Amino acid sequence: MELAALKFVAAGLGAALTVIGAALGLGKIGNAALEGTARQPEAANAIRTTMIIIAALLEGAAMLGLVICLLTMVM
């Protein structure tokens, strides 16, 4: 394969791993929040707020990873 083709393959694999990692992380966050709410319903608002903050940070990190993969492909 040519070097240009390998860059496309590497960027695609990197983007796929980034998205899979973010999806697994969001699943674990949602599972933990539901379990915590089921155990302590009175703390549901605090758990939900914390879950949303963590999910936003995780999505930001995933977007950063995707941008890095795309920039690697272009350069």
C-alpha atoms as a PDB file:
ATOM      1  CA  MET A   1       0.000   0.000   0.000  1.00  0.00           C
ATOM      2  CA  GLU A   2       0.981   3.545  -0.519  1.00  0.00           C
ATOM      3  CA  LEU A   3       1.701   5.891   2.342  1.00  0.00           C
ATOM      4  CA  ALA A   4      -1.373   7.991   1.513  1.00  0.00           C
ATOM      5  CA  ALA A   5      -3.618   4.926   1.685  1.00  0.00           C
ATOM      6  CA  LEU A   6      -2.145   3.936   5.049  1.00  0.00           C
ATOM      7  CA  LYS A   7      -2.938   7.402   6.408  1.00  0.00           C
ATOM      8  CA  PHE A   8      -6.598   6.926   5.497  1.00  0.00           C
ATOM      9  CA  VAL A   9      -6.678   3.481   7.107  1.00  0.00           C
ATOM     10  CA  ALA A  10      -5.001   4.746  10.277  1.00  0.00           C
ATOM     11  CA  ALA A  11      -7.365   7.721  10.532  1.00  0.00           C
ATOM     12  CA  GLY A  12     -10.375   5.453  10.057  1.00  0.00           C
ATOM     13  CA  LEU A  13      -9.197   2.993  12.699  1.00  0.00           C
ATOM     14  CA  GLY A  14      -8.414   5.789  15.118  1.00  0.00           C
ATOM     15  CA  ALA A  15     -11.832   7.358  14.622  1.00  0.00           C
ATOM     16  CA  ALA A  16     -13.543   3.997  15.080  1.00  0.00           C
ATOM     17  CA  LEU A  17     -11.686   3.286  18.315  1.00  0.00           C
ATOM     18  CA  THR A  18     -12.485   6.765  19.588  1.00  0.00           C
ATOM     19  CA  VAL A  19     -16.208   6.366  18.936  1.00  0.00           C
ATOM     20  CA  ILE A  20     -16.304   2.847  20.418  1.00  0.00           C
ATOM     21  CA  GLY A  21     -14.494   4.028  23.547  1.00  0.00           C
ATOM     22  CA  ALA A  22     -16.862   6.950  23.991  1.00  0.00           C
ATOM     23  CA  ALA A  23     -19.901   4.705  23.542  1.00  0.00           C
ATOM     24  CA  LEU A  24     -18.634   2.244  26.142  1.00  0.00           C
ATOM     25  CA  GLY A  25     -17.883   5.071  28.551  1.00  0.00           C
ATOM     26  CA  LEU A  26     -21.340   6.600  28.139  1.00  0.00           C
ATOM     27  CA  GLY A  27     -22.912   3.202  28.696  1.00  0.00           C
ATOM     28  CA  LYS A  28     -21.003   2.721  31.943  1.00  0.00           C
ATOM     29  CA  ILE A  29     -21.933   6.221  33.114  1.00  0.00           C
ATOM     30  CA  GLY A  30     -25.623   5.644  32.381  1.00  0.00           C
ATOM     31  CA  ASN A  31     -25.583   2.260  34.082  1.00  0.00           C
ATOM     32  CA  ALA A  32     -23.916   3.645  37.200  1.00  0.00           C
ATOM     33  CA  ALA A  33     -26.331   6.585  37.353  1.00  0.00           C
ATOM     34  CA  LEU A  34     -29.379   4.347  37.069  1.00  0.00           C
ATOM     35  CA  GLU A  35     -28.027   1.998  39.709  1.00  0.00           C
ATOM     36  CA  GLY A  36     -27.230   4.880  42.041  1.00  0.00           C
ATOM     37  CA  THR A  37     -30.674   6.381  41.561  1.00  0.00           C
ATOM     38  CA  ALA A  38     -32.298   3.014  42.244  1.00  0.00           C
ATOM     39  CA  ARG A  39     -30.342   2.637  45.478  1.00  0.00           C
ATOM     40  CA  GLN A  40     -30.859   6.211  46.689  1.00  0.00           C
ATOM     41  CA  PRO A  41     -33.843   7.890  45.015  1.00  0.00           C
ATOM     42  CA  GLU A  42     -33.468  11.002  47.175  1.00  0.00           C
ATOM     43  CA  ALA A  43     -30.080  11.719  45.553  1.00  0.00           C
ATOM     44  CA  ALA A  44     -31.417  11.479  41.988  1.00  0.00           C
ATOM     45  CA  ASN A  45     -30.891  15.175  41.169  1.00  0.00           C
ATOM     46  CA  ALA A  46     -27.258  15.184  42.293  1.00  0.00           C
ATOM     47  CA  ILE A  47     -26.557  11.921  40.463  1.00  0.00           C
ATOM     48  CA  ARG A  48     -28.179  13.230  37.260  1.00  0.00           C
ATOM     49  CA  THR A  49     -26.207  16.476  37.381  1.00  0.00           C
ATOM     50  CA  THR A  50     -22.933  14.635  37.889  1.00  0.00           C
ATOM     51  CA  MET A  51     -23.784  12.193  35.096  1.00  0.00           C
ATOM     52  CA  ILE A  52     -24.492  15.016  32.635  1.00  0.00           C
ATOM     53  CA  ILE A  53     -21.210  16.771  33.477  1.00  0.00           C
ATOM     54  CA  ILE A  54     -19.182  13.583  33.064  1.00  0.00           C
ATOM     55  CA  ALA A  55     -20.979  12.722  29.799  1.00  0.00           C
ATOM     56  CA  ALA A  56     -20.254  16.190  28.403  1.00  0.00           C
ATOM     57  CA  LEU A  57     -16.566  15.882  29.265  1.00  0.00           C
ATOM     58  CA  LEU A  58     -16.442  12.424  27.684  1.00  0.00           C
ATOM     59  CA  GLU A  59     -18.089  13.671  24.510  1.00  0.00           C
ATOM     60  CA  GLY A  60     -15.621  16.550  24.362  1.00  0.00           C
ATOM     61  CA  ALA A  61     -12.707  14.145  24.625  1.00  0.00           C
ATOM     62  CA  ALA A  62     -14.240  11.964  21.904  1.00  0.00           C
ATOM     63  CA  MET A  63     -14.641  14.954  19.592  1.00  0.00           C
ATOM     64  CA  LEU A  64     -11.032  15.931  20.230  1.00  0.00           C
ATOM     65  CA  GLY A  65      -9.954  12.410  19.286  1.00  0.00           C
ATOM     66  CA  LEU A  66     -11.972  12.555  16.066  1.00  0.00           C
ATOM     67  CA  VAL A  67     -10.469  15.916  15.137  1.00  0.00           C
ATOM     68  CA  ILE A  68      -6.971  14.575  15.730  1.00  0.00           C
ATOM     69  CA  CYS A  69      -7.737  11.569  13.507  1.00  0.00           C
ATOM     70  CA  LEU A  70      -9.023  13.820  10.733  1.00  0.00           C
ATOM     71  CA  LEU A  71      -6.014  16.111  10.992  1.00  0.00           C
ATOM     72  CA  THR A  72      -3.708  13.106  10.817  1.00  0.00           C
ATOM     73  CA  MET A  73      -5.447  12.045   7.614  1.00  0.00           C
ATOM     74  CA  VAL A  74      -5.047  15.477   6.005  1.00  0.00           C
ATOM     75  CA  MET A  75      -1.390  15.998   6.870  1.00  0.00           C
END
